[in-house]
Amino acid sequence: MKKILAVTLLLIAFSATFAFAAGDADAGKLGYYGLATLGCAIGIGLAALGTGIGMGHGLRGATEGTARNPGVSGKIMTTLIIGLAMIESLAIYALVVVLITFYANPFVK
């Protein structure tokens, strides 16, 4: 059931570009912005998914390390914070790329 719903939503998302396309000179613009919107949504979704998984693994490792040896919890916490900042920077970079893609206007001459 979930696969059918996912396929249906993807078909609707891909066909929306063509359904709302105008028959005049703006048709290329609408097609570009429709596909750019879809690409941006998929891109930031994958970036958030990847960074969330990475942060979860890092936090799990830090808590397991602290549970095994509580004496080094300060060093583990420092390393964890630096690692989480690096992982979060990947999501911010993805957001910047998505915003540039979304707001860039290739039709300006």
Protein backbone atom coordinates (compact mmCIF):
# COMPACT_ATOMS: atom_id res chain seq x y z
CA MET A 1 0.00 0.00 0.00
CA LYS A 2 2.83 2.40 0.84
CA LYS A 3 4.55 1.68 -2.48
CA ILE A 4 1.38 2.46 -4.40
CA LEU A 5 0.96 5.72 -2.49
CA ALA A 6 4.59 6.70 -3.08
CA VAL A 7 4.38 5.95 -6.81
CA THR A 8 1.12 7.89 -7.08
CA LEU A 9 2.61 10.92 -5.32
CA LEU A 10 5.68 10.81 -7.57
CA LEU A 11 3.52 10.64 -10.69
CA ILE A 12 1.49 13.60 -9.50
CA ALA A 13 4.65 15.56 -8.72
CA PHE A 14 6.20 14.83 -12.11
CA SER A 15 3.02 15.54 -14.05
CA ALA A 16 2.30 18.84 -12.28
CA THR A 17 4.94 20.58 -14.35
CA PHE A 18 3.24 19.65 -17.59
CA ALA A 19 -0.29 20.22 -16.29
CA PHE A 20 0.39 23.83 -15.30
CA ALA A 21 2.63 24.69 -18.26
CA ALA A 22 1.35 27.54 -20.39
CA GLY A 23 1.23 27.44 -24.17
CA ASP A 24 3.16 30.68 -24.65
CA ALA A 25 6.77 31.75 -24.19
CA ASP A 26 6.59 31.26 -20.43
CA ALA A 27 6.26 27.49 -20.83
CA GLY A 28 10.02 26.99 -20.52
CA LYS A 29 10.13 29.07 -17.35
CA LEU A 30 7.33 27.11 -15.73
CA GLY A 31 8.96 23.82 -16.66
CA TYR A 32 12.28 24.92 -15.25
CA TYR A 33 10.85 26.21 -11.99
CA GLY A 34 8.66 23.15 -11.55
CA LEU A 35 11.59 20.80 -11.97
CA ALA A 36 13.85 23.05 -9.89
CA THR A 37 11.32 22.97 -7.07
CA LEU A 38 11.09 19.20 -7.22
CA GLY A 39 14.87 18.85 -7.32
CA CYS A 40 15.30 21.25 -4.41
CA ALA A 41 12.77 19.36 -2.31
CA ILE A 42 14.44 16.02 -3.01
CA GLY A 43 17.92 17.48 -2.46
CA ILE A 44 17.26 19.07 0.91
CA GLY A 45 15.29 16.00 2.00
CA LEU A 46 18.19 13.69 1.23
CA ALA A 47 20.63 16.07 2.90
CA ALA A 48 18.52 16.20 6.05
CA LEU A 49 18.13 12.43 6.04
CA GLY A 50 21.86 11.84 5.67
CA THR A 51 22.90 14.33 8.31
CA GLY A 52 20.28 13.03 10.71
CA ILE A 53 21.56 9.48 10.32
CA GLY A 54 25.15 10.67 10.75
CA MET A 55 24.32 12.63 13.89
CA GLY A 56 22.48 9.66 15.32
CA HIS A 57 25.45 7.37 14.80
CA GLY A 58 27.80 9.91 16.34
CA LEU A 59 25.62 10.42 19.38
CA ARG A 60 25.22 6.68 19.83
CA GLY A 61 28.99 6.21 19.76
CA ALA A 62 29.53 9.04 22.23
CA THR A 63 27.00 7.71 24.71
CA GLU A 64 28.42 4.19 24.45
CA GLY A 65 31.93 5.55 25.00
CA THR A 66 30.83 7.56 28.01
CA ALA A 67 28.99 4.56 29.46
CA ARG A 68 32.11 2.39 29.13
CA ASN A 69 34.52 4.97 30.56
CA PRO A 70 32.88 7.91 32.37
CA GLY A 71 36.27 9.42 33.18
CA VAL A 72 36.83 10.61 29.61
CA SER A 73 33.35 12.04 29.09
CA GLY A 74 34.75 15.58 28.72
CA LYS A 75 37.01 14.63 25.82
CA ILE A 76 34.27 12.58 24.21
CA MET A 77 31.82 15.49 24.54
CA THR A 78 34.29 17.90 22.92
CA THR A 79 34.91 15.55 20.02
CA LEU A 80 31.16 14.94 19.70
CA ILE A 81 30.35 18.65 19.51
CA ILE A 82 33.02 19.25 16.85
CA GLY A 83 31.81 16.23 14.86
CA LEU A 84 28.17 17.31 15.04
CA ALA A 85 29.13 20.80 13.86
CA MET A 86 30.94 19.30 10.87
CA ILE A 87 27.96 17.11 10.02
CA GLU A 88 25.56 20.03 10.35
CA SER A 89 27.74 22.10 8.03
CA LEU A 90 27.01 19.55 5.30
CA ALA A 91 23.29 20.20 5.68
CA ILE A 92 23.91 23.95 5.54
CA TYR A 93 25.97 23.56 2.36
CA ALA A 94 23.15 21.53 0.82
CA LEU A 95 20.68 24.27 1.82
CA VAL A 96 22.87 26.91 0.17
CA VAL A 97 23.05 24.89 -3.06
CA VAL A 98 19.29 24.35 -2.99
CA LEU A 99 18.60 28.06 -2.47
CA ILE A 100 20.97 29.02 -5.28
CA THR A 101 19.29 26.50 -7.58
CA PHE A 102 15.82 27.64 -6.59
CA TYR A 103 16.39 31.38 -6.88
CA ALA A 104 18.78 31.44 -9.84
CA ASN A 105 17.06 32.80 -12.92
CA PRO A 106 18.52 31.26 -16.09
CA PHE A 107 16.12 33.25 -18.28
CA VAL A 108 17.66 36.66 -17.55
CA LYS A 109 19.57 37.87 -20.59
